[in-house]
Amino acid sequence: MRVEVSGEAAAFVRARGGKLWVWAAHPRMCCAGTPAYMHAATEAPPDVSGCTHIPWEGLELWFRVPAGALPEVLEIALHGRRRPRIEAYWDGCLFALSA
């Protein structure tokens, strides 16, 4: 798995302590076949465990691997101008393709 973090996203995470959690989760209420969406946070989410540490150029990246394969590319980007937030992409998608 290759990790790509934009410069803006890296600066955003470093300004908030340098730690980033990334995981895929199905919506709480969903229909059959709903994909698991990617989530990212600069604080440890209370209901997510089993994350693996992935070192990346000065950031502490914690990634919970869903059952199945890893993405070829895990992309981290900053989204939004008024209220910027970190987003994670599984091979360019906002949802995990194998979860």
N, C-alpha and C. Protein backbone atom coordinates (compact mmCIF):
# COMPACT_ATOMS: atom_id res chain seq x y z
N MET A 1 0.84 -1.18 0.00
CA MET A 1 0.00 0.00 0.00
C MET A 1 0.89 1.24 0.00
N ARG A 2 0.58 2.14 -0.90
CA ARG A 2 1.29 3.42 -0.98
C ARG A 2 0.42 4.48 -0.31
N VAL A 3 1.03 5.32 0.50
CA VAL A 3 0.30 6.40 1.17
C VAL A 3 0.69 7.72 0.52
N GLU A 4 -0.33 8.49 0.11
CA GLU A 4 -0.09 9.81 -0.47
C GLU A 4 -0.85 10.83 0.37
N VAL A 5 -0.10 11.77 0.95
CA VAL A 5 -0.69 12.81 1.79
C VAL A 5 -0.37 14.15 1.14
N SER A 6 -1.41 14.95 0.89
CA SER A 6 -1.17 16.27 0.29
C SER A 6 -0.44 17.15 1.31
N GLY A 7 0.27 18.15 0.83
CA GLY A 7 0.99 19.06 1.71
C GLY A 7 0.06 19.79 2.66
N GLU A 8 -1.10 20.20 2.15
CA GLU A 8 -2.07 20.91 2.99
C GLU A 8 -2.60 19.99 4.09
N ALA A 9 -2.87 18.74 3.74
CA ALA A 9 -3.37 17.77 4.73
C ALA A 9 -2.31 17.50 5.79
N ALA A 10 -1.06 17.34 5.38
CA ALA A 10 0.02 17.07 6.33
C ALA A 10 0.17 18.24 7.31
N ALA A 11 0.12 19.47 6.81
CA ALA A 11 0.23 20.65 7.67
C ALA A 11 -0.95 20.72 8.64
N PHE A 12 -2.15 20.41 8.16
CA PHE A 12 -3.36 20.41 8.99
C PHE A 12 -3.23 19.40 10.14
N VAL A 13 -2.75 18.19 9.82
CA VAL A 13 -2.60 17.15 10.84
C VAL A 13 -1.50 17.53 11.83
N ARG A 14 -0.38 18.03 11.33
CA ARG A 14 0.72 18.42 12.23
C ARG A 14 0.29 19.53 13.19
N ALA A 15 -0.53 20.46 12.71
CA ALA A 15 -1.02 21.55 13.56
C ALA A 15 -1.95 21.03 14.66
N ARG A 16 -2.46 19.84 14.51
CA ARG A 16 -3.36 19.24 15.49
C ARG A 16 -2.73 18.07 16.22
N GLY A 17 -1.42 18.05 16.29
CA GLY A 17 -0.73 17.03 17.08
C GLY A 17 0.02 15.98 16.29
N GLY A 18 -0.16 15.92 14.98
CA GLY A 18 0.60 15.00 14.14
C GLY A 18 0.08 13.58 14.08
N LYS A 19 -1.12 13.33 14.63
CA LYS A 19 -1.68 11.98 14.60
C LYS A 19 -2.93 11.96 13.73
N LEU A 20 -3.08 10.88 12.95
CA LEU A 20 -4.22 10.75 12.06
C LEU A 20 -4.73 9.31 12.11
N TRP A 21 -6.04 9.17 12.29
CA TRP A 21 -6.70 7.86 12.27
C TRP A 21 -7.53 7.77 11.02
N VAL A 22 -7.42 6.64 10.32
CA VAL A 22 -8.18 6.40 9.09
C VAL A 22 -8.82 5.02 9.20
N TRP A 23 -10.12 4.95 8.88
CA TRP A 23 -10.83 3.69 8.95
C TRP A 23 -12.01 3.70 7.99
N ALA A 24 -12.51 2.52 7.69
CA ALA A 24 -13.70 2.37 6.85
C ALA A 24 -14.81 1.83 7.73
N ALA A 25 -16.01 2.36 7.54
CA ALA A 25 -17.15 1.90 8.34
C ALA A 25 -18.43 2.00 7.52
N HIS A 26 -19.30 1.03 7.73
CA HIS A 26 -20.62 1.06 7.10
C HIS A 26 -21.50 2.03 7.88
N PRO A 27 -22.42 2.71 7.22
CA PRO A 27 -23.35 3.59 7.95
C PRO A 27 -24.13 2.78 8.98
N ARG A 28 -24.49 3.43 10.09
CA ARG A 28 -25.22 2.73 11.16
C ARG A 28 -26.54 2.14 10.66
N MET A 29 -27.25 2.91 9.87
CA MET A 29 -28.50 2.41 9.29
C MET A 29 -28.31 2.37 7.78
N CYS A 30 -28.28 1.19 7.23
CA CYS A 30 -28.02 1.10 5.80
C CYS A 30 -28.86 0.01 5.16
N CYS A 31 -28.88 0.09 3.89
CA CYS A 31 -29.55 -0.94 3.10
C CYS A 31 -28.51 -1.99 2.71
N ALA A 32 -28.95 -3.11 2.29
CA ALA A 32 -28.04 -4.17 1.86
C ALA A 32 -27.19 -3.66 0.70
N GLY A 33 -25.92 -3.91 0.79
CA GLY A 33 -25.02 -3.53 -0.29
C GLY A 33 -24.42 -2.14 -0.16
N THR A 34 -24.72 -1.42 0.91
CA THR A 34 -24.14 -0.08 1.11
C THR A 34 -22.65 -0.23 1.37
N PRO A 35 -21.81 0.53 0.67
CA PRO A 35 -20.36 0.39 0.87
C PRO A 35 -19.91 0.99 2.20
N ALA A 36 -18.74 0.58 2.63
CA ALA A 36 -18.12 1.15 3.83
C ALA A 36 -17.40 2.43 3.41
N TYR A 37 -17.76 3.54 4.03
CA TYR A 37 -17.16 4.82 3.70
C TYR A 37 -15.89 5.05 4.49
N MET A 38 -14.96 5.76 3.89
CA MET A 38 -13.70 6.09 4.53
C MET A 38 -13.91 7.27 5.48
N HIS A 39 -13.26 7.19 6.63
CA HIS A 39 -13.31 8.24 7.63
C HIS A 39 -11.89 8.58 8.05
N ALA A 40 -11.68 9.82 8.47
CA ALA A 40 -10.38 10.25 8.96
C ALA A 40 -10.59 11.26 10.08
N ALA A 41 -9.72 11.22 11.08
CA ALA A 41 -9.83 12.13 12.22
C ALA A 41 -8.44 12.39 12.80
N THR A 42 -8.27 13.56 13.38
CA THR A 42 -7.01 13.90 14.03
C THR A 42 -7.04 13.57 15.52
N GLU A 43 -8.15 13.06 16.01
CA GLU A 43 -8.26 12.57 17.38
C GLU A 43 -8.75 11.13 17.33
N ALA A 44 -8.30 10.33 18.26
CA ALA A 44 -8.69 8.92 18.27
C ALA A 44 -10.20 8.78 18.41
N PRO A 45 -10.85 8.13 17.46
CA PRO A 45 -12.30 7.92 17.58
C PRO A 45 -12.59 6.92 18.70
N PRO A 46 -13.62 7.18 19.50
CA PRO A 46 -13.88 6.31 20.65
C PRO A 46 -14.34 4.90 20.30
N ASP A 47 -14.94 4.71 19.14
CA ASP A 47 -15.51 3.40 18.79
C ASP A 47 -14.70 2.64 17.74
N VAL A 48 -13.46 3.03 17.53
CA VAL A 48 -12.61 2.37 16.53
C VAL A 48 -11.40 1.77 17.24
N SER A 49 -11.18 0.46 17.03
CA SER A 49 -10.01 -0.20 17.61
C SER A 49 -9.36 -1.07 16.55
N GLY A 50 -8.22 -1.63 16.87
CA GLY A 50 -7.54 -2.52 15.95
C GLY A 50 -6.79 -1.81 14.84
N CYS A 51 -6.35 -0.58 15.10
CA CYS A 51 -5.63 0.19 14.08
C CYS A 51 -4.15 -0.21 14.06
N THR A 52 -3.57 -0.16 12.88
CA THR A 52 -2.15 -0.47 12.68
C THR A 52 -1.40 0.83 12.42
N HIS A 53 -0.24 0.97 13.06
CA HIS A 53 0.58 2.17 12.88
C HIS A 53 1.33 2.08 11.55
N ILE A 54 1.21 3.13 10.76
CA ILE A 54 1.92 3.21 9.48
C ILE A 54 2.72 4.51 9.50
N PRO A 55 4.05 4.44 9.63
CA PRO A 55 4.84 5.67 9.66
C PRO A 55 4.79 6.37 8.31
N TRP A 56 4.65 7.69 8.37
CA TRP A 56 4.65 8.46 7.13
C TRP A 56 5.22 9.85 7.40
N GLU A 57 6.42 10.08 7.00
CA GLU A 57 7.10 11.37 6.99
C GLU A 57 6.66 12.34 8.09
N GLY A 58 6.89 11.95 9.33
CA GLY A 58 6.62 12.86 10.44
C GLY A 58 5.19 12.83 10.97
N LEU A 59 4.33 12.01 10.39
CA LEU A 59 2.97 11.87 10.90
C LEU A 59 2.81 10.49 11.53
N GLU A 60 1.98 10.41 12.53
CA GLU A 60 1.59 9.13 13.11
C GLU A 60 0.28 8.74 12.46
N LEU A 61 0.32 7.84 11.51
CA LEU A 61 -0.87 7.41 10.79
C LEU A 61 -1.31 6.07 11.34
N TRP A 62 -2.58 6.01 11.78
CA TRP A 62 -3.18 4.78 12.29
C TRP A 62 -4.29 4.39 11.34
N PHE A 63 -4.20 3.17 10.80
CA PHE A 63 -5.13 2.72 9.77
C PHE A 63 -5.75 1.40 10.19
N ARG A 64 -7.07 1.36 10.24
CA ARG A 64 -7.75 0.10 10.52
C ARG A 64 -8.07 -0.55 9.19
N VAL A 65 -7.43 -1.67 8.96
CA VAL A 65 -7.58 -2.39 7.71
C VAL A 65 -8.86 -3.22 7.77
N PRO A 66 -9.78 -2.97 6.85
CA PRO A 66 -10.97 -3.82 6.82
C PRO A 66 -10.60 -5.22 6.32
N ALA A 67 -11.47 -6.18 6.58
CA ALA A 67 -11.22 -7.53 6.10
C ALA A 67 -11.07 -7.51 4.58
N GLY A 68 -10.11 -8.21 4.09
CA GLY A 68 -9.89 -8.23 2.65
C GLY A 68 -8.56 -7.59 2.29
N ALA A 69 -8.49 -7.03 1.11
CA ALA A 69 -7.25 -6.48 0.59
C ALA A 69 -7.03 -5.03 1.02
N LEU A 70 -5.78 -4.61 0.92
CA LEU A 70 -5.42 -3.21 1.16
C LEU A 70 -5.62 -2.41 -0.13
N PRO A 71 -5.80 -1.11 -0.01
CA PRO A 71 -5.86 -0.31 -1.23
C PRO A 71 -4.47 -0.24 -1.85
N GLU A 72 -4.41 -0.04 -3.14
CA GLU A 72 -3.11 0.20 -3.76
C GLU A 72 -2.57 1.54 -3.28
N VAL A 73 -3.49 2.54 -3.18
CA VAL A 73 -3.11 3.88 -2.74
C VAL A 73 -4.11 4.36 -1.70
N LEU A 74 -3.60 4.73 -0.54
CA LEU A 74 -4.40 5.39 0.49
C LEU A 74 -4.08 6.88 0.38
N GLU A 75 -5.06 7.66 -0.05
CA GLU A 75 -4.84 9.09 -0.25
C GLU A 75 -5.46 9.88 0.90
N ILE A 76 -4.72 10.86 1.38
CA ILE A 76 -5.19 11.75 2.44
C ILE A 76 -5.16 13.17 1.88
N ALA A 77 -6.29 13.87 1.99
CA ALA A 77 -6.38 15.22 1.44
C ALA A 77 -7.17 16.11 2.39
N LEU A 78 -7.00 17.41 2.22
CA LEU A 78 -7.76 18.39 2.98
C LEU A 78 -8.92 18.86 2.11
N HIS A 79 -10.12 18.88 2.68
CA HIS A 79 -11.31 19.26 1.92
C HIS A 79 -12.02 20.39 2.66
N GLY A 80 -12.49 21.38 1.91
CA GLY A 80 -13.24 22.49 2.49
C GLY A 80 -12.36 23.68 2.79
N ARG A 81 -12.90 24.86 2.58
CA ARG A 81 -12.14 26.08 2.85
C ARG A 81 -12.60 26.75 4.14
N ARG A 82 -13.91 26.87 4.32
CA ARG A 82 -14.42 27.49 5.54
C ARG A 82 -14.19 26.62 6.76
N ARG A 83 -14.53 25.36 6.61
CA ARG A 83 -14.34 24.38 7.69
C ARG A 83 -13.52 23.23 7.15
N PRO A 84 -12.21 23.41 7.08
CA PRO A 84 -11.38 22.35 6.50
C PRO A 84 -11.44 21.06 7.32
N ARG A 85 -11.41 19.94 6.60
CA ARG A 85 -11.41 18.64 7.26
C ARG A 85 -10.58 17.66 6.43
N ILE A 86 -10.09 16.67 7.13
CA ILE A 86 -9.28 15.64 6.48
C ILE A 86 -10.21 14.60 5.88
N GLU A 87 -9.89 14.15 4.67
CA GLU A 87 -10.62 13.07 4.04
C GLU A 87 -9.64 12.02 3.56
N ALA A 88 -10.08 10.77 3.60
CA ALA A 88 -9.26 9.65 3.15
C ALA A 88 -9.94 9.01 1.95
N TYR A 89 -9.12 8.56 1.00
CA TYR A 89 -9.64 7.95 -0.22
C TYR A 89 -8.95 6.61 -0.45
N TRP A 90 -9.75 5.60 -0.76
CA TRP A 90 -9.28 4.24 -1.05
C TRP A 90 -9.17 4.15 -2.57
N ASP A 91 -7.97 4.15 -3.08
CA ASP A 91 -7.72 4.13 -4.54
C ASP A 91 -8.57 5.20 -5.25
N GLY A 92 -8.64 6.37 -4.66
CA GLY A 92 -9.35 7.49 -5.27
C GLY A 92 -10.82 7.58 -4.95
N CYS A 93 -11.35 6.61 -4.19
CA CYS A 93 -12.78 6.60 -3.85
C CYS A 93 -13.00 6.93 -2.38
N LEU A 94 -14.15 7.53 -2.08
CA LEU A 94 -14.49 7.87 -0.72
C LEU A 94 -15.03 6.66 0.05
N PHE A 95 -15.14 5.52 -0.61
CA PHE A 95 -15.59 4.31 0.08
C PHE A 95 -14.56 3.20 -0.16
N ALA A 96 -14.51 2.27 0.79
CA ALA A 96 -13.55 1.15 0.70
C ALA A 96 -14.07 0.15 -0.30
N LEU A 97 -13.25 -0.18 -1.26
CA LEU A 97 -13.68 -1.07 -2.33
C LEU A 97 -13.73 -2.54 -1.95
N SER A 98 -13.10 -2.93 -0.85
CA SER A 98 -13.12 -4.36 -0.49
C SER A 98 -13.79 -4.62 0.84
N ALA A 99 -14.29 -3.60 1.51
CA ALA A 99 -14.85 -3.81 2.85
C ALA A 99 -16.30 -4.27 2.77
